[in-house]
Amino acid sequence: MVDLELDELKREFLAEAEEKVQEIASTLDGERSPEALERLAYLAHQLKGSGGSYGYQKISTDAAEIEKAVESLAAGDAAVTGAIEKHVTGLREEIARRLAELGK
């Protein structure tokens, strides 16, 4: 695979990652039903795996921290909301940085 093809795949991943991060942020601002928390964990899990696959360790690490925090949130620890928001910010910054590197 030539670099141009890989760069295009990375752009697609980052665009999808932006959408997932936006959904995570929106869900945090909404209801905290078991279904909503399950969706948060699912989105974070997807970002964790895919980020690592594309070599974006920071995306994978922040997503793993969100996934872990959502488990605590589901167990009733509302104090982790700030940590999730911090990692959402980190994800947004990293995605923007990586897109800029690819020349979006």
Protein backbone atom coordinates (compact mmCIF):
# COMPACT_ATOMS: atom_id res chain seq x y z
CA MET A 1 0.00 0.00 0.00
CA VAL A 2 1.45 3.36 -0.93
CA ASP A 3 1.61 6.17 1.58
CA LEU A 4 -1.18 8.10 -0.17
CA GLU A 5 -3.60 5.22 0.36
CA LEU A 6 -2.61 4.87 4.00
CA ASP A 7 -2.96 8.62 4.50
CA GLU A 8 -6.46 8.48 3.03
CA LEU A 9 -7.40 5.62 5.39
CA LYS A 10 -6.05 7.66 8.28
CA ARG A 11 -8.12 10.68 7.21
CA GLU A 12 -11.24 8.50 7.10
CA PHE A 13 -10.48 7.09 10.54
CA LEU A 14 -9.89 10.56 11.98
CA ALA A 15 -13.13 11.88 10.47
CA GLU A 16 -15.02 8.97 12.03
CA ALA A 17 -13.16 9.53 15.30
CA GLU A 18 -14.31 13.16 15.31
CA GLU A 19 -17.91 11.99 14.98
CA LYS A 20 -17.50 9.47 17.80
CA VAL A 21 -15.92 12.06 20.09
CA GLN A 22 -18.78 14.45 19.33
CA GLU A 23 -21.28 11.72 20.20
CA ILE A 24 -19.41 11.00 23.44
CA ALA A 25 -19.53 14.69 24.37
CA SER A 26 -23.23 14.95 23.50
CA THR A 27 -24.06 11.84 25.48
CA LEU A 28 -22.22 13.22 28.51
CA ASP A 29 -24.42 16.31 28.33
CA GLY A 30 -27.58 14.21 28.12
CA GLU A 31 -29.19 11.46 30.10
CA ARG A 32 -27.18 8.87 31.98
CA SER A 33 -29.34 5.86 31.26
CA PRO A 34 -27.74 2.41 31.21
CA GLU A 35 -28.12 2.42 27.42
CA ALA A 36 -26.39 5.79 27.10
CA LEU A 37 -23.52 4.64 29.30
CA GLU A 38 -23.25 1.42 27.30
CA ARG A 39 -23.03 3.48 24.12
CA LEU A 40 -20.30 5.66 25.67
CA ALA A 41 -18.27 2.59 26.57
CA TYR A 42 -18.77 1.14 23.09
CA LEU A 43 -17.60 4.32 21.35
CA ALA A 44 -14.57 4.60 23.62
CA HIS A 45 -13.73 0.94 23.03
CA GLN A 46 -13.87 1.41 19.26
CA LEU A 47 -11.59 4.45 19.42
CA LYS A 48 -9.19 2.62 21.70
CA GLY A 49 -8.74 -0.27 19.28
CA SER A 50 -8.77 1.67 16.05
CA GLY A 51 -6.49 4.42 17.35
CA GLY A 52 -3.85 1.86 18.19
CA SER A 53 -4.27 0.13 14.84
CA TYR A 54 -3.47 3.36 13.02
CA GLY A 55 -0.55 4.16 15.28
CA TYR A 56 -2.32 6.92 17.20
CA GLN A 57 -1.32 5.93 20.72
CA LYS A 58 -2.68 9.11 22.36
CA ILE A 59 -6.12 8.49 20.84
CA SER A 60 -6.01 4.91 22.07
CA THR A 61 -4.85 5.94 25.55
CA ASP A 62 -7.45 8.69 26.00
CA ALA A 63 -10.19 6.38 24.74
CA ALA A 64 -9.07 3.64 27.16
CA GLU A 65 -9.28 6.13 30.02
CA ILE A 66 -12.78 7.15 28.93
CA GLU A 67 -13.84 3.51 28.76
CA LYS A 68 -12.51 2.92 32.29
CA ALA A 69 -14.17 6.09 33.61
CA VAL A 70 -17.52 5.15 32.04
CA GLU A 71 -17.40 1.90 34.02
CA SER A 72 -17.00 3.96 37.19
CA LEU A 73 -19.77 6.29 36.08
CA ALA A 74 -22.07 3.32 35.53
CA ALA A 75 -21.24 2.16 39.06
CA GLY A 76 -22.47 5.51 40.39
CA ASP A 77 -19.26 7.55 40.58
CA ALA A 78 -20.38 10.85 39.04
CA ALA A 79 -17.04 12.44 40.00
CA VAL A 80 -15.40 10.84 36.94
CA THR A 81 -17.37 13.08 34.57
CA GLY A 82 -14.62 15.70 34.73
CA ALA A 83 -12.01 13.10 33.82
CA ILE A 84 -14.08 11.99 30.85
CA GLU A 85 -14.44 15.59 29.70
CA LYS A 86 -10.66 16.07 30.02
CA HIS A 87 -10.03 13.03 27.83
CA VAL A 88 -12.64 14.19 25.31
CA THR A 89 -10.71 17.46 25.05
CA GLY A 90 -7.49 15.50 24.62
CA LEU A 91 -9.05 13.42 21.86
CA ARG A 92 -10.29 16.50 20.03
CA GLU A 93 -6.87 18.12 20.19
CA GLU A 94 -5.07 14.98 19.03
CA ILE A 95 -7.47 14.40 16.15
CA ALA A 96 -7.07 18.01 15.01
CA ARG A 97 -3.28 17.73 15.25
CA ARG A 98 -3.19 14.48 13.29
CA LEU A 99 -5.51 15.83 10.60
CA ALA A 100 -3.28 18.89 10.26
CA GLU A 101 -0.26 16.60 9.82
CA LEU A 102 -2.07 14.81 7.00
CA GLY A 103 -2.92 18.12 5.38
CA LYS A 104 -6.68 17.91 5.73
